[in-house]
Amino acid sequence: MGKENTSEIQQRIYDFIVNYIREEGMPPTNREIGTAMKIASTGHVDYHLTMLEKKNMIEREAKKSRGIKLKQQIWGIHVLGSIAAGEPLEIFNESDEVIEAGRDLEQQGAYALVVRGQSMIEDHICDKDYVVIKPQATCENGDIVVAVHLQGNGHATLKRFYQEKEQNRVRLQPANSTMNPIFIPKTQWDQEWQIQGKVVAIFRKCYAA
């Protein structure tokens, strides 16, 4: 059984639980659900919660008034794949993984990529870190950006962007003193490259020892 078999009232209860947790930082009680849904009987509420539990949409902790938990995270920004901070790598467009990065970034259409490589290590962006990308086609000198080579099968790289007007070129600068920058003539940049977004946040997963 799954969400597609959920009745209208059960779906409304589920949506209420999701919004309540998001707004209040804790799950609602049965009585609060009943008040919101205009259901007088807490037993009736309990029945619908049991059905949601059977459909694997929630789980409940026994003998706890606020014991409802969602079975899956349904908000956050999507992790669209991985990007090599050292060499261009294709961005994957489908992923079920999401991370919580705040509502403002969600509303801006931000997404996350997993970093592969060490070329941005001196900016404290390490291998396996998550970088949050705000989609935009323009940037300022010094911004860390996702630069896509349109003529290179859509491959992308993560670098600091610098427009060097005197040399009539763009420099994509790694943050690793052992690596060389990528220099791109301005005409080639305009024709073959595109800024897909800039880094606005970095997340790191902590692993148990």
C-alpha atoms as a PDB file:
ATOM      1  CA  MET A   1       0.000   0.000   0.000  1.00  0.00           C
ATOM      2  CA  GLY A   2       1.201   3.531  -0.607  1.00  0.00           C
ATOM      3  CA  LYS A   3       0.323   7.151  -0.997  1.00  0.00           C
ATOM      4  CA  GLU A   4      -1.716   6.536  -4.143  1.00  0.00           C
ATOM      5  CA  ASN A   5      -4.268   4.565  -2.051  1.00  0.00           C
ATOM      6  CA  THR A   6      -4.683   7.297   0.537  1.00  0.00           C
ATOM      7  CA  SER A   7      -8.167   8.721   1.076  1.00  0.00           C
ATOM      8  CA  GLU A   8      -8.795  12.455   0.849  1.00  0.00           C
ATOM      9  CA  ILE A   9      -9.073  12.927   4.621  1.00  0.00           C
ATOM     10  CA  GLN A  10      -5.939  10.879   5.242  1.00  0.00           C
ATOM     11  CA  GLN A  11      -4.039  12.940   2.692  1.00  0.00           C
ATOM     12  CA  ARG A  12      -5.245  16.140   4.359  1.00  0.00           C
ATOM     13  CA  ILE A  13      -4.125  14.814   7.756  1.00  0.00           C
ATOM     14  CA  TYR A  14      -0.733  13.863   6.323  1.00  0.00           C
ATOM     15  CA  ASP A  15      -0.300  17.306   4.743  1.00  0.00           C
ATOM     16  CA  PHE A  16      -1.262  18.930   8.038  1.00  0.00           C
ATOM     17  CA  ILE A  17       1.332  16.828   9.897  1.00  0.00           C
ATOM     18  CA  VAL A  18       4.033  17.776   7.364  1.00  0.00           C
ATOM     19  CA  ASN A  19       3.252  21.492   7.585  1.00  0.00           C
ATOM     20  CA  TYR A  20       2.945  21.409  11.376  1.00  0.00           C
ATOM     21  CA  ILE A  21       6.333  19.735  11.792  1.00  0.00           C
ATOM     22  CA  ARG A  22       7.895  22.201   9.421  1.00  0.00           C
ATOM     23  CA  GLU A  23       6.393  25.261  11.099  1.00  0.00           C
ATOM     24  CA  GLU A  24       6.577  24.176  14.749  1.00  0.00           C
ATOM     25  CA  GLY A  25       9.589  21.866  14.733  1.00  0.00           C
ATOM     26  CA  MET A  26       7.603  19.057  16.384  1.00  0.00           C
ATOM     27  CA  PRO A  27       4.671  16.795  15.438  1.00  0.00           C
ATOM     28  CA  PRO A  28       1.057  17.613  16.368  1.00  0.00           C
ATOM     29  CA  THR A  29      -0.987  15.756  18.942  1.00  0.00           C
ATOM     30  CA  ASN A  30      -4.070  13.753  17.959  1.00  0.00           C
ATOM     31  CA  ARG A  31      -6.244  16.479  19.466  1.00  0.00           C
ATOM     32  CA  GLU A  32      -4.536  19.186  17.413  1.00  0.00           C
ATOM     33  CA  ILE A  33      -5.044  17.110  14.273  1.00  0.00           C
ATOM     34  CA  GLY A  34      -8.697  16.636  15.159  1.00  0.00           C
ATOM     35  CA  THR A  35      -9.204  20.368  15.723  1.00  0.00           C
ATOM     36  CA  ALA A  36      -7.574  21.234  12.399  1.00  0.00           C
ATOM     37  CA  MET A  37      -9.569  18.589  10.508  1.00  0.00           C
ATOM     38  CA  LYS A  38     -12.804  19.300  12.421  1.00  0.00           C
ATOM     39  CA  ILE A  39     -12.907  15.727  13.707  1.00  0.00           C
ATOM     40  CA  ALA A  40     -14.401  15.595  17.191  1.00  0.00           C
ATOM     41  CA  SER A  41     -13.320  12.062  18.075  1.00  0.00           C
ATOM     42  CA  THR A  42      -9.633  11.440  18.807  1.00  0.00           C
ATOM     43  CA  GLY A  43     -10.407   7.773  18.177  1.00  0.00           C
ATOM     44  CA  HIS A  44     -11.386   8.685  14.626  1.00  0.00           C
ATOM     45  CA  VAL A  45      -8.101  10.570  14.244  1.00  0.00           C
ATOM     46  CA  ASP A  46      -6.237   7.546  15.609  1.00  0.00           C
ATOM     47  CA  TYR A  47      -7.886   5.338  12.983  1.00  0.00           C
ATOM     48  CA  HIS A  48      -6.638   7.536  10.133  1.00  0.00           C
ATOM     49  CA  LEU A  49      -3.166   7.700  11.674  1.00  0.00           C
ATOM     50  CA  THR A  50      -3.132   3.912  11.865  1.00  0.00           C
ATOM     51  CA  MET A  51      -3.990   3.769   8.170  1.00  0.00           C
ATOM     52  CA  LEU A  52      -1.188   6.225   7.346  1.00  0.00           C
ATOM     53  CA  GLU A  53       1.141   4.050   9.389  1.00  0.00           C
ATOM     54  CA  LYS A  54       0.093   0.938   7.463  1.00  0.00           C
ATOM     55  CA  LYS A  55       0.754   2.794   4.216  1.00  0.00           C
ATOM     56  CA  ASN A  56       4.304   3.480   5.450  1.00  0.00           C
ATOM     57  CA  MET A  57       3.812   7.253   5.376  1.00  0.00           C
ATOM     58  CA  ILE A  58       4.330   7.811   9.107  1.00  0.00           C
ATOM     59  CA  GLU A  59       5.428   5.929  12.184  1.00  0.00           C
ATOM     60  CA  ARG A  60       4.367   6.465  15.772  1.00  0.00           C
ATOM     61  CA  GLU A  61       6.090   6.108  19.107  1.00  0.00           C
ATOM     62  CA  ALA A  62       3.809   4.413  21.624  1.00  0.00           C
ATOM     63  CA  LYS A  63       2.550   6.316  24.686  1.00  0.00           C
ATOM     64  CA  LYS A  64       3.872   9.631  23.424  1.00  0.00           C
ATOM     65  CA  SER A  65       1.466  12.482  22.640  1.00  0.00           C
ATOM     66  CA  ARG A  66       3.795  13.895  19.994  1.00  0.00           C
ATOM     67  CA  GLY A  67       5.149  10.588  18.762  1.00  0.00           C
ATOM     68  CA  ILE A  68       4.442  10.932  15.033  1.00  0.00           C
ATOM     69  CA  LYS A  69       7.416  10.743  12.666  1.00  0.00           C
ATOM     70  CA  LEU A  70       7.476  11.035   8.896  1.00  0.00           C
ATOM     71  CA  LYS A  71       8.857   7.990   7.107  1.00  0.00           C
ATOM     72  CA  GLN A  72      10.654  10.083   4.519  1.00  0.00           C
ATOM     73  CA  GLN A  73      11.932  13.610   4.258  1.00  0.00           C
ATOM     74  CA  ILE A  74       9.620  15.476   1.907  1.00  0.00           C
ATOM     75  CA  TRP A  75      11.221  18.908   1.892  1.00  0.00           C
ATOM     76  CA  GLY A  76      14.695  20.168   1.302  1.00  0.00           C
ATOM     77  CA  ILE A  77      16.799  20.695  -1.799  1.00  0.00           C
ATOM     78  CA  HIS A  78      17.581  17.903  -4.208  1.00  0.00           C
ATOM     79  CA  VAL A  79      21.045  16.466  -4.662  1.00  0.00           C
ATOM     80  CA  LEU A  80      21.293  16.359  -8.449  1.00  0.00           C
ATOM     81  CA  GLY A  81      24.477  14.367  -8.640  1.00  0.00           C
ATOM     82  CA  SER A  82      28.207  14.973  -8.345  1.00  0.00           C
ATOM     83  CA  ILE A  83      30.682  17.455  -9.727  1.00  0.00           C
ATOM     84  CA  ALA A  84      34.431  17.118  -9.962  1.00  0.00           C
ATOM     85  CA  ALA A  85      36.231  20.023  -8.389  1.00  0.00           C
ATOM     86  CA  GLY A  86      39.355  18.888 -10.230  1.00  0.00           C
ATOM     87  CA  GLU A  87      38.185  17.781 -13.669  1.00  0.00           C
ATOM     88  CA  PRO A  88      34.927  18.280 -15.579  1.00  0.00           C
ATOM     89  CA  LEU A  89      32.278  15.679 -14.817  1.00  0.00           C
ATOM     90  CA  GLU A  90      28.761  15.234 -16.128  1.00  0.00           C
ATOM     91  CA  ILE A  91      26.003  16.459 -13.815  1.00  0.00           C
ATOM     92  CA  PHE A  92      23.313  13.841 -13.162  1.00  0.00           C
ATOM     93  CA  ASN A  93      19.791  15.195 -13.339  1.00  0.00           C
ATOM     94  CA  GLU A  94      17.917  12.647 -11.234  1.00  0.00           C
ATOM     95  CA  SER A  95      18.352  11.807  -7.568  1.00  0.00           C
ATOM     96  CA  ASP A  96      16.061  10.918  -4.657  1.00  0.00           C
ATOM     97  CA  GLU A  97      18.446  12.376  -2.060  1.00  0.00           C
ATOM     98  CA  VAL A  98      17.496  15.674  -0.431  1.00  0.00           C
ATOM     99  CA  ILE A  99      19.181  17.802   2.233  1.00  0.00           C
ATOM    100  CA  GLU A 100      17.683  20.411   4.544  1.00  0.00           C
ATOM    101  CA  ALA A 101      19.162  23.775   3.652  1.00  0.00           C
ATOM    102  CA  GLY A 102      16.473  26.237   4.730  1.00  0.00           C
ATOM    103  CA  ARG A 103      13.276  27.460   3.154  1.00  0.00           C
ATOM    104  CA  ASP A 104      14.844  30.536   1.546  1.00  0.00           C
ATOM    105  CA  LEU A 105      17.151  28.407  -0.583  1.00  0.00           C
ATOM    106  CA  GLU A 106      14.318  26.026  -1.455  1.00  0.00           C
ATOM    107  CA  GLN A 107      12.219  28.921  -2.710  1.00  0.00           C
ATOM    108  CA  GLN A 108      15.129  30.129  -4.842  1.00  0.00           C
ATOM    109  CA  GLY A 109      15.274  26.778  -6.635  1.00  0.00           C
ATOM    110  CA  ALA A 110      18.656  25.863  -5.151  1.00  0.00           C
ATOM    111  CA  TYR A 111      20.061  22.363  -5.546  1.00  0.00           C
ATOM    112  CA  ALA A 112      23.047  20.452  -4.198  1.00  0.00           C
ATOM    113  CA  LEU A 113      25.969  18.624  -5.770  1.00  0.00           C
ATOM    114  CA  VAL A 114      28.435  16.216  -4.192  1.00  0.00           C
ATOM    115  CA  VAL A 115      32.034  17.350  -4.674  1.00  0.00           C
ATOM    116  CA  ARG A 116      34.536  14.882  -6.112  1.00  0.00           C
ATOM    117  CA  GLY A 117      38.204  15.774  -5.857  1.00  0.00           C
ATOM    118  CA  GLN A 118      40.495  18.141  -4.007  1.00  0.00           C
ATOM    119  CA  SER A 119      40.871  21.174  -6.281  1.00  0.00           C
ATOM    120  CA  MET A 120      38.900  23.486  -3.955  1.00  0.00           C
ATOM    121  CA  ILE A 121      40.466  22.200  -0.735  1.00  0.00           C
ATOM    122  CA  GLU A 122      42.002  25.574   0.203  1.00  0.00           C
ATOM    123  CA  ASP A 123      38.481  27.057   0.202  1.00  0.00           C
ATOM    124  CA  HIS A 124      37.543  24.300   2.683  1.00  0.00           C
ATOM    125  CA  ILE A 125      35.541  22.411   0.046  1.00  0.00           C
ATOM    126  CA  CYS A 126      36.562  18.786   0.449  1.00  0.00           C
ATOM    127  CA  ASP A 127      35.909  15.561  -1.375  1.00  0.00           C
ATOM    128  CA  LYS A 128      32.351  14.297  -0.627  1.00  0.00           C
ATOM    129  CA  ASP A 129      31.159  17.688   0.651  1.00  0.00           C
ATOM    130  CA  TYR A 130      27.784  18.989  -0.532  1.00  0.00           C
ATOM    131  CA  VAL A 131      27.799  22.362  -2.242  1.00  0.00           C
ATOM    132  CA  VAL A 132      24.484  24.217  -2.471  1.00  0.00           C
ATOM    133  CA  ILE A 133      24.054  25.960  -5.811  1.00  0.00           C
ATOM    134  CA  LYS A 134      21.821  28.967  -6.430  1.00  0.00           C
ATOM    135  CA  PRO A 135      20.857  28.896 -10.122  1.00  0.00           C
ATOM    136  CA  GLN A 136      21.964  32.006 -11.984  1.00  0.00           C
ATOM    137  CA  ALA A 137      23.629  32.777 -15.296  1.00  0.00           C
ATOM    138  CA  THR A 138      25.799  35.656 -14.069  1.00  0.00           C
ATOM    139  CA  CYS A 139      28.393  36.033 -11.356  1.00  0.00           C
ATOM    140  CA  GLU A 140      30.977  38.367  -9.871  1.00  0.00           C
ATOM    141  CA  ASN A 141      34.736  37.978  -9.841  1.00  0.00           C
ATOM    142  CA  GLY A 142      35.729  35.635  -7.038  1.00  0.00           C
ATOM    143  CA  ASP A 143      32.436  33.725  -6.920  1.00  0.00           C
ATOM    144  CA  ILE A 144      32.678  29.931  -6.744  1.00  0.00           C
ATOM    145  CA  VAL A 145      30.605  28.768  -9.692  1.00  0.00           C
ATOM    146  CA  VAL A 146      29.433  25.748 -11.612  1.00  0.00           C
ATOM    147  CA  ALA A 147      30.810  26.380 -15.102  1.00  0.00           C
ATOM    148  CA  VAL A 148      29.381  24.182 -17.855  1.00  0.00           C
ATOM    149  CA  HIS A 149      31.190  23.521 -21.124  1.00  0.00           C
ATOM    150  CA  LEU A 150      28.326  23.419 -23.614  1.00  0.00           C
ATOM    151  CA  GLN A 151      30.551  21.984 -26.347  1.00  0.00           C
ATOM    152  CA  GLY A 152      31.876  19.311 -24.016  1.00  0.00           C
ATOM    153  CA  ASN A 153      28.759  17.166 -23.589  1.00  0.00           C
ATOM    154  CA  GLY A 154      27.516  19.385 -20.770  1.00  0.00           C
ATOM    155  CA  HIS A 155      30.428  18.580 -18.485  1.00  0.00           C
ATOM    156  CA  ALA A 156      30.831  20.917 -15.541  1.00  0.00           C
ATOM    157  CA  THR A 157      33.541  22.063 -13.185  1.00  0.00           C
ATOM    158  CA  LEU A 158      33.609  23.854  -9.831  1.00  0.00           C
ATOM    159  CA  LYS A 159      35.987  26.827  -9.694  1.00  0.00           C
ATOM    160  CA  ARG A 160      36.350  30.466  -8.709  1.00  0.00           C
ATOM    161  CA  PHE A 161      35.442  32.734 -11.613  1.00  0.00           C
ATOM    162  CA  TYR A 162      37.596  35.668 -12.723  1.00  0.00           C
ATOM    163  CA  GLN A 163      37.117  37.782 -15.829  1.00  0.00           C
ATOM    164  CA  GLU A 164      40.513  39.131 -16.851  1.00  0.00           C
ATOM    165  CA  LYS A 165      39.683  42.016 -19.156  1.00  0.00           C
ATOM    166  CA  GLU A 166      43.273  43.008 -19.914  1.00  0.00           C
ATOM    167  CA  GLN A 167      44.024  39.520 -21.203  1.00  0.00           C
ATOM    168  CA  ASN A 168      40.560  39.213 -22.783  1.00  0.00           C
ATOM    169  CA  ARG A 169      39.966  35.880 -21.103  1.00  0.00           C
ATOM    170  CA  VAL A 170      38.196  34.076 -18.267  1.00  0.00           C
ATOM    171  CA  ARG A 171      40.159  32.308 -15.548  1.00  0.00           C
ATOM    172  CA  LEU A 172      38.625  29.388 -13.663  1.00  0.00           C
ATOM    173  CA  GLN A 173      40.772  29.206 -10.568  1.00  0.00           C
ATOM    174  CA  PRO A 174      41.128  26.105  -8.371  1.00  0.00           C
ATOM    175  CA  ALA A 175      41.761  26.555  -4.657  1.00  0.00           C
ATOM    176  CA  ASN A 176      44.665  24.148  -4.594  1.00  0.00           C
ATOM    177  CA  SER A 177      48.200  25.468  -4.966  1.00  0.00           C
ATOM    178  CA  THR A 178      49.299  22.273  -6.724  1.00  0.00           C
ATOM    179  CA  MET A 179      46.815  22.768  -9.591  1.00  0.00           C
ATOM    180  CA  ASN A 180      46.835  25.160 -12.513  1.00  0.00           C
ATOM    181  CA  PRO A 181      43.939  27.474 -13.447  1.00  0.00           C
ATOM    182  CA  ILE A 182      41.901  26.991 -16.615  1.00  0.00           C
ATOM    183  CA  PHE A 183      42.270  29.905 -19.046  1.00  0.00           C
ATOM    184  CA  ILE A 184      39.515  30.404 -21.646  1.00  0.00           C
ATOM    185  CA  PRO A 185      39.608  33.116 -24.345  1.00  0.00           C
ATOM    186  CA  LYS A 186      36.648  35.485 -23.951  1.00  0.00           C
ATOM    187  CA  THR A 187      35.194  34.669 -27.390  1.00  0.00           C
ATOM    188  CA  GLN A 188      35.343  30.950 -26.637  1.00  0.00           C
ATOM    189  CA  TRP A 189      33.820  31.535 -23.198  1.00  0.00           C
ATOM    190  CA  ASP A 190      30.887  33.458 -24.699  1.00  0.00           C
ATOM    191  CA  GLN A 191      30.232  30.762 -27.299  1.00  0.00           C
ATOM    192  CA  GLU A 192      30.963  27.523 -25.482  1.00  0.00           C
ATOM    193  CA  TRP A 193      30.606  28.054 -21.742  1.00  0.00           C
ATOM    194  CA  GLN A 194      27.805  28.919 -19.357  1.00  0.00           C
ATOM    195  CA  ILE A 195      27.485  29.738 -15.662  1.00  0.00           C
ATOM    196  CA  GLN A 196      24.857  27.422 -14.193  1.00  0.00           C
ATOM    197  CA  GLY A 197      24.934  28.818 -10.656  1.00  0.00           C
ATOM    198  CA  LYS A 198      27.105  29.857  -7.751  1.00  0.00           C
ATOM    199  CA  VAL A 199      27.928  28.196  -4.453  1.00  0.00           C
ATOM    200  CA  VAL A 200      25.986  29.715  -1.555  1.00  0.00           C
ATOM    201  CA  ALA A 201      26.514  27.062   1.139  1.00  0.00           C
ATOM    202  CA  ILE A 202      28.610  23.998   1.952  1.00  0.00           C
ATOM    203  CA  PHE A 203      27.512  20.975   3.972  1.00  0.00           C
ATOM    204  CA  ARG A 204      29.594  18.106   5.273  1.00  0.00           C
ATOM    205  CA  LYS A 205      28.294  14.781   6.476  1.00  0.00           C
ATOM    206  CA  CYS A 206      29.727  13.511   9.709  1.00  0.00           C
ATOM    207  CA  TYR A 207      30.549   9.833   9.817  1.00  0.00           C
ATOM    208  CA  ALA A 208      30.732   7.791  12.991  1.00  0.00           C
ATOM    209  CA  ALA A 209      34.165   6.544  13.902  1.00  0.00           C
END
